[in-house]
Amino acid sequence: DNLANIKRLLKDQDHDEAAMNFRKQELDNIAKSLAKELTGEDLKDMEDQVEKLRKRFDELEGPMSDRRKQLEAAKKIHELKRDILIELRWINEKLASAENSNYGESLHAAQLLQARHNTLKAEVLSHQNRINELLSDTDIEDQKELSEKWHELLRAIDNREEKLKLSVIAQQYLFDAEEVQD
């Protein structure tokens, strides 16, 4: 899994940065210690060597920082793709219920299906903020599929709601007609 690899690389990056910081501190401590013991040309040579090493550490900080930024960006994209995939699975589950063609064979059944549908609709609408969040973040191809599937689900919810309303009206009419006959 790419996300797991990126997380591992970020841990390695943390380790490398900590090691570099440790080495910089170690260099400073050694330089302070030697500065007390050395004099003249020896002190000047040591200071020159320490300065070269500090410059080298400074030169490494830029590439290390760039690498961290690249890894963080890659992590963000992979997390976004993972989250979109999770939402797509969820949408497909809800789409199966929203596209159900059973509208009830009796007044009671139609009313029960309508109540279940209202619960489904509330659950779907409660996901709107999460979907918006995923669609507003960066710009990747997976977002197009998410947007299309989300709108397909919303249309299916609205369509089923209309058909269930008509079914309840029709079943109420049939129920009332049977009452009149009896």
C-alpha atoms as a PDB file:
ATOM      1  CA  ASP A   1       0.000   0.000   0.000  1.00  0.00           C
ATOM      2  CA  ASN A   2       1.427   3.373  -1.041  1.00  0.00           C
ATOM      3  CA  LEU A   3       0.093   5.178   2.034  1.00  0.00           C
ATOM      4  CA  ALA A   4       1.870   2.722   4.330  1.00  0.00           C
ATOM      5  CA  ASN A   5       5.108   3.186   2.354  1.00  0.00           C
ATOM      6  CA  ILE A   6       4.841   6.957   2.594  1.00  0.00           C
ATOM      7  CA  LYS A   7       4.227   6.773   6.336  1.00  0.00           C
ATOM      8  CA  ARG A   8       7.304   4.547   6.661  1.00  0.00           C
ATOM      9  CA  LEU A   9       9.352   7.021   4.606  1.00  0.00           C
ATOM     10  CA  LEU A  10       8.139   9.867   6.835  1.00  0.00           C
ATOM     11  CA  LYS A  11       9.286   7.923   9.908  1.00  0.00           C
ATOM     12  CA  ASP A  12      12.646   7.418   8.226  1.00  0.00           C
ATOM     13  CA  GLN A  13      12.715  11.155   7.507  1.00  0.00           C
ATOM     14  CA  ASP A  14      12.015  11.899  11.181  1.00  0.00           C
ATOM     15  CA  HIS A  15      14.864   9.594  12.150  1.00  0.00           C
ATOM     16  CA  ASP A  16      17.244  11.203   9.643  1.00  0.00           C
ATOM     17  CA  GLU A  17      16.363  14.712  10.839  1.00  0.00           C
ATOM     18  CA  ALA A  18      16.825  13.708  14.476  1.00  0.00           C
ATOM     19  CA  ALA A  19      20.176  12.107  13.635  1.00  0.00           C
ATOM     20  CA  MET A  20      21.302  15.238  11.808  1.00  0.00           C
ATOM     21  CA  ASN A  21      20.277  17.462  14.720  1.00  0.00           C
ATOM     22  CA  PHE A  22      22.113  15.155  17.108  1.00  0.00           C
ATOM     23  CA  ARG A  23      25.251  15.337  14.944  1.00  0.00           C
ATOM     24  CA  LYS A  24      25.039  19.146  14.819  1.00  0.00           C
ATOM     25  CA  GLN A  25      24.799  19.289  18.607  1.00  0.00           C
ATOM     26  CA  GLU A  26      27.636  16.823  18.900  1.00  0.00           C
ATOM     27  CA  LEU A  27      29.764  18.977  16.586  1.00  0.00           C
ATOM     28  CA  ASP A  28      29.039  22.092  18.667  1.00  0.00           C
ATOM     29  CA  ASN A  29      29.896  20.294  21.908  1.00  0.00           C
ATOM     30  CA  ILE A  30      33.168  18.948  20.515  1.00  0.00           C
ATOM     31  CA  ALA A  31      34.054  22.387  19.109  1.00  0.00           C
ATOM     32  CA  LYS A  32      33.431  24.031  22.501  1.00  0.00           C
ATOM     33  CA  SER A  33      35.511  21.417  24.251  1.00  0.00           C
ATOM     34  CA  LEU A  34      38.420  21.682  21.799  1.00  0.00           C
ATOM     35  CA  ALA A  35      38.293  25.482  21.829  1.00  0.00           C
ATOM     36  CA  LYS A  36      39.290  25.361  25.496  1.00  0.00           C
ATOM     37  CA  GLU A  37      42.268  23.085  24.770  1.00  0.00           C
ATOM     38  CA  LEU A  38      43.629  24.475  21.493  1.00  0.00           C
ATOM     39  CA  THR A  39      45.407  27.719  20.724  1.00  0.00           C
ATOM     40  CA  GLY A  40      46.896  29.534  17.768  1.00  0.00           C
ATOM     41  CA  GLU A  41      47.025  27.742  14.407  1.00  0.00           C
ATOM     42  CA  ASP A  42      45.450  24.557  15.803  1.00  0.00           C
ATOM     43  CA  LEU A  43      42.431  26.528  17.078  1.00  0.00           C
ATOM     44  CA  LYS A  44      42.093  28.298  13.713  1.00  0.00           C
ATOM     45  CA  ASP A  45      42.253  24.964  11.814  1.00  0.00           C
ATOM     46  CA  MET A  46      39.637  23.416  14.112  1.00  0.00           C
ATOM     47  CA  GLU A  47      37.333  26.436  13.725  1.00  0.00           C
ATOM     48  CA  ASP A  48      37.703  26.224   9.923  1.00  0.00           C
ATOM     49  CA  GLN A  49      36.851  22.500   9.965  1.00  0.00           C
ATOM     50  CA  VAL A  50      33.848  23.097  12.233  1.00  0.00           C
ATOM     51  CA  GLU A  51      32.634  25.900   9.949  1.00  0.00           C
ATOM     52  CA  LYS A  52      32.904  23.603   6.887  1.00  0.00           C
ATOM     53  CA  LEU A  53      30.897  20.919   8.679  1.00  0.00           C
ATOM     54  CA  ARG A  54      28.239  23.431   9.777  1.00  0.00           C
ATOM     55  CA  LYS A  55      27.920  24.631   6.166  1.00  0.00           C
ATOM     56  CA  ARG A  56      27.524  21.032   5.025  1.00  0.00           C
ATOM     57  CA  PHE A  57      24.760  20.484   7.595  1.00  0.00           C
ATOM     58  CA  ASP A  58      23.095  23.714   6.424  1.00  0.00           C
ATOM     59  CA  GLU A  59      23.314  22.512   2.796  1.00  0.00           C
ATOM     60  CA  LEU A  60      21.535  19.279   3.776  1.00  0.00           C
ATOM     61  CA  GLU A  61      18.657  21.082   5.510  1.00  0.00           C
ATOM     62  CA  GLY A  62      17.177  22.408   2.247  1.00  0.00           C
ATOM     63  CA  PRO A  63      16.960  19.032   0.471  1.00  0.00           C
ATOM     64  CA  MET A  64      15.712  17.376   3.662  1.00  0.00           C
ATOM     65  CA  SER A  65      13.013  20.001   4.038  1.00  0.00           C
ATOM     66  CA  ASP A  66      12.032  19.606   0.363  1.00  0.00           C
ATOM     67  CA  ARG A  67      11.836  15.836   0.784  1.00  0.00           C
ATOM     68  CA  ARG A  68       9.599  16.211   3.846  1.00  0.00           C
ATOM     69  CA  LYS A  69       7.274  18.547   1.918  1.00  0.00           C
ATOM     70  CA  GLN A  70       7.077  16.057  -0.967  1.00  0.00           C
ATOM     71  CA  LEU A  71       6.343  13.175   1.394  1.00  0.00           C
ATOM     72  CA  GLU A  72       3.700  15.182   3.266  1.00  0.00           C
ATOM     73  CA  ALA A  73       2.031  16.154  -0.033  1.00  0.00           C
ATOM     74  CA  ALA A  74       2.090  12.542  -1.246  1.00  0.00           C
ATOM     75  CA  LYS A  75       0.651  11.392   2.088  1.00  0.00           C
ATOM     76  CA  LYS A  76      -2.157  13.934   1.788  1.00  0.00           C
ATOM     77  CA  ILE A  77      -3.035  12.750  -1.741  1.00  0.00           C
ATOM     78  CA  HIS A  78      -3.017   9.080  -0.738  1.00  0.00           C
ATOM     79  CA  GLU A  79      -5.146   9.784   2.324  1.00  0.00           C
ATOM     80  CA  LEU A  80      -7.569  11.716   0.126  1.00  0.00           C
ATOM     81  CA  LYS A  81      -7.757   8.814  -2.342  1.00  0.00           C
ATOM     82  CA  ARG A  82      -8.344   6.375   0.527  1.00  0.00           C
ATOM     83  CA  ASP A  83     -11.093   8.580   2.003  1.00  0.00           C
ATOM     84  CA  ILE A  84     -12.752   8.966  -1.408  1.00  0.00           C
ATOM     85  CA  LEU A  85     -12.699   5.194  -1.896  1.00  0.00           C
ATOM     86  CA  ILE A  86     -14.354   4.714   1.510  1.00  0.00           C
ATOM     87  CA  GLU A  87     -17.071   7.241   0.609  1.00  0.00           C
ATOM     88  CA  LEU A  88     -17.613   5.641  -2.806  1.00  0.00           C
ATOM     89  CA  ARG A  89     -18.195   2.280  -1.125  1.00  0.00           C
ATOM     90  CA  TRP A  90     -20.622   3.895   1.289  1.00  0.00           C
ATOM     91  CA  ILE A  91     -22.456   5.662  -1.557  1.00  0.00           C
ATOM     92  CA  ASN A  92     -22.773   2.392  -3.493  1.00  0.00           C
ATOM     93  CA  GLU A  93     -24.304   0.723  -0.423  1.00  0.00           C
ATOM     94  CA  LYS A  94     -26.840   3.541  -0.038  1.00  0.00           C
ATOM     95  CA  LEU A  95     -27.495   3.644  -3.789  1.00  0.00           C
ATOM     96  CA  ALA A  96     -28.704   0.039  -3.649  1.00  0.00           C
ATOM     97  CA  SER A  97     -31.359   1.066  -1.099  1.00  0.00           C
ATOM     98  CA  ALA A  98     -32.243   4.289  -2.927  1.00  0.00           C
ATOM     99  CA  GLU A  99     -32.763   2.425  -6.218  1.00  0.00           C
ATOM    100  CA  ASN A 100     -34.973  -0.268  -4.676  1.00  0.00           C
ATOM    101  CA  SER A 101     -38.124  -0.658  -6.757  1.00  0.00           C
ATOM    102  CA  ASN A 102     -40.329  -1.990  -3.953  1.00  0.00           C
ATOM    103  CA  TYR A 103     -42.800   0.765  -3.079  1.00  0.00           C
ATOM    104  CA  GLY A 104     -45.153  -1.294  -0.900  1.00  0.00           C
ATOM    105  CA  GLU A 105     -48.061  -3.573  -1.694  1.00  0.00           C
ATOM    106  CA  SER A 106     -50.265  -2.197   1.083  1.00  0.00           C
ATOM    107  CA  LEU A 107     -50.764   1.096   2.861  1.00  0.00           C
ATOM    108  CA  HIS A 108     -48.878  -0.130   5.908  1.00  0.00           C
ATOM    109  CA  ALA A 109     -45.961  -1.443   3.790  1.00  0.00           C
ATOM    110  CA  ALA A 110     -45.772   1.794   1.772  1.00  0.00           C
ATOM    111  CA  GLN A 111     -45.756   3.906   4.948  1.00  0.00           C
ATOM    112  CA  LEU A 112     -43.078   1.692   6.494  1.00  0.00           C
ATOM    113  CA  LEU A 113     -40.914   1.988   3.360  1.00  0.00           C
ATOM    114  CA  GLN A 114     -41.438   5.747   3.379  1.00  0.00           C
ATOM    115  CA  ALA A 115     -40.268   5.958   7.009  1.00  0.00           C
ATOM    116  CA  ARG A 116     -37.186   3.861   6.200  1.00  0.00           C
ATOM    117  CA  HIS A 117     -36.502   6.066   3.210  1.00  0.00           C
ATOM    118  CA  ASN A 118     -36.694   9.207   5.381  1.00  0.00           C
ATOM    119  CA  THR A 119     -34.079   7.644   7.667  1.00  0.00           C
ATOM    120  CA  LEU A 120     -31.890   6.822   4.659  1.00  0.00           C
ATOM    121  CA  LYS A 121     -32.286  10.350   3.303  1.00  0.00           C
ATOM    122  CA  ALA A 122     -31.277  11.883   6.649  1.00  0.00           C
ATOM    123  CA  GLU A 123     -28.230   9.605   6.808  1.00  0.00           C
ATOM    124  CA  VAL A 124     -27.224  10.527   3.251  1.00  0.00           C
ATOM    125  CA  LEU A 125     -27.683  14.251   3.817  1.00  0.00           C
ATOM    126  CA  SER A 126     -25.601  14.030   6.983  1.00  0.00           C
ATOM    127  CA  HIS A 127     -22.677  13.033   4.738  1.00  0.00           C
ATOM    128  CA  GLN A 128     -22.906  16.222   2.654  1.00  0.00           C
ATOM    129  CA  ASN A 129     -20.222  18.067   4.638  1.00  0.00           C
ATOM    130  CA  ARG A 130     -17.798  15.148   4.363  1.00  0.00           C
ATOM    131  CA  ILE A 131     -18.389  14.920   0.612  1.00  0.00           C
ATOM    132  CA  ASN A 132     -17.881  18.680   0.222  1.00  0.00           C
ATOM    133  CA  GLU A 133     -14.651  18.417   2.210  1.00  0.00           C
ATOM    134  CA  LEU A 134     -13.331  15.644  -0.040  1.00  0.00           C
ATOM    135  CA  LEU A 135     -14.337  17.493  -3.209  1.00  0.00           C
ATOM    136  CA  SER A 136     -12.763  20.800  -2.175  1.00  0.00           C
ATOM    137  CA  ASP A 137      -9.391  19.301  -1.262  1.00  0.00           C
ATOM    138  CA  THR A 138      -6.746  19.573  -4.047  1.00  0.00           C
ATOM    139  CA  ASP A 139      -7.803  18.267  -7.475  1.00  0.00           C
ATOM    140  CA  ILE A 140      -7.528  14.613  -8.434  1.00  0.00           C
ATOM    141  CA  GLU A 141      -9.391  12.405 -10.898  1.00  0.00           C
ATOM    142  CA  ASP A 142     -11.031  10.341  -8.123  1.00  0.00           C
ATOM    143  CA  GLN A 143     -12.983  13.428  -7.064  1.00  0.00           C
ATOM    144  CA  LYS A 144     -14.870  13.470 -10.370  1.00  0.00           C
ATOM    145  CA  GLU A 145     -16.130   9.931  -9.767  1.00  0.00           C
ATOM    146  CA  LEU A 146     -17.095  10.838  -6.203  1.00  0.00           C
ATOM    147  CA  SER A 147     -19.009  13.898  -7.388  1.00  0.00           C
ATOM    148  CA  GLU A 148     -20.840  11.924 -10.070  1.00  0.00           C
ATOM    149  CA  LYS A 149     -21.751   9.087  -7.705  1.00  0.00           C
ATOM    150  CA  TRP A 150     -22.857  11.534  -5.009  1.00  0.00           C
ATOM    151  CA  HIS A 151     -25.193  13.333  -7.417  1.00  0.00           C
ATOM    152  CA  GLU A 152     -26.473   9.982  -8.700  1.00  0.00           C
ATOM    153  CA  LEU A 153     -27.306   9.024  -5.096  1.00  0.00           C
ATOM    154  CA  LEU A 154     -29.071  12.329  -4.436  1.00  0.00           C
ATOM    155  CA  ARG A 155     -31.137  11.923  -7.623  1.00  0.00           C
ATOM    156  CA  ALA A 156     -32.022   8.341  -6.648  1.00  0.00           C
ATOM    157  CA  ILE A 157     -33.052   9.523  -3.155  1.00  0.00           C
ATOM    158  CA  ASP A 158     -35.308  12.217  -4.628  1.00  0.00           C
ATOM    159  CA  ASN A 159     -36.742   9.830  -7.217  1.00  0.00           C
ATOM    160  CA  ARG A 160     -37.543   7.161  -4.630  1.00  0.00           C
ATOM    161  CA  GLU A 161     -39.071   9.752  -2.325  1.00  0.00           C
ATOM    162  CA  GLU A 162     -41.471  10.861  -5.090  1.00  0.00           C
ATOM    163  CA  LYS A 163     -42.412   7.289  -5.972  1.00  0.00           C
ATOM    164  CA  LEU A 164     -42.981   6.384  -2.329  1.00  0.00           C
ATOM    165  CA  LYS A 165     -45.235   9.434  -1.903  1.00  0.00           C
ATOM    166  CA  LEU A 166     -47.270   8.321  -4.916  1.00  0.00           C
ATOM    167  CA  SER A 167     -47.379   4.757  -3.588  1.00  0.00           C
ATOM    168  CA  VAL A 168     -48.686   5.930  -0.208  1.00  0.00           C
ATOM    169  CA  ILE A 169     -51.351   8.041  -1.961  1.00  0.00           C
ATOM    170  CA  ALA A 170     -52.346   5.114  -4.190  1.00  0.00           C
ATOM    171  CA  GLN A 171     -52.391   2.643  -1.285  1.00  0.00           C
ATOM    172  CA  GLN A 172     -54.418   5.120   0.800  1.00  0.00           C
ATOM    173  CA  TYR A 173     -56.919   5.391  -2.067  1.00  0.00           C
ATOM    174  CA  LEU A 174     -57.160   1.584  -2.349  1.00  0.00           C
ATOM    175  CA  PHE A 175     -57.494   1.261   1.431  1.00  0.00           C
ATOM    176  CA  ASP A 176     -60.279   3.876   1.515  1.00  0.00           C
ATOM    177  CA  ALA A 177     -62.009   2.198  -1.449  1.00  0.00           C
ATOM    178  CA  GLU A 178     -61.966  -1.169   0.367  1.00  0.00           C
ATOM    179  CA  GLU A 179     -63.360   0.500   3.519  1.00  0.00           C
ATOM    180  CA  VAL A 180     -66.233   1.953   1.491  1.00  0.00           C
ATOM    181  CA  GLN A 181     -66.994  -1.450  -0.075  1.00  0.00           C
ATOM    182  CA  ASP A 182     -67.085  -3.178   3.314  1.00  0.00           C
END
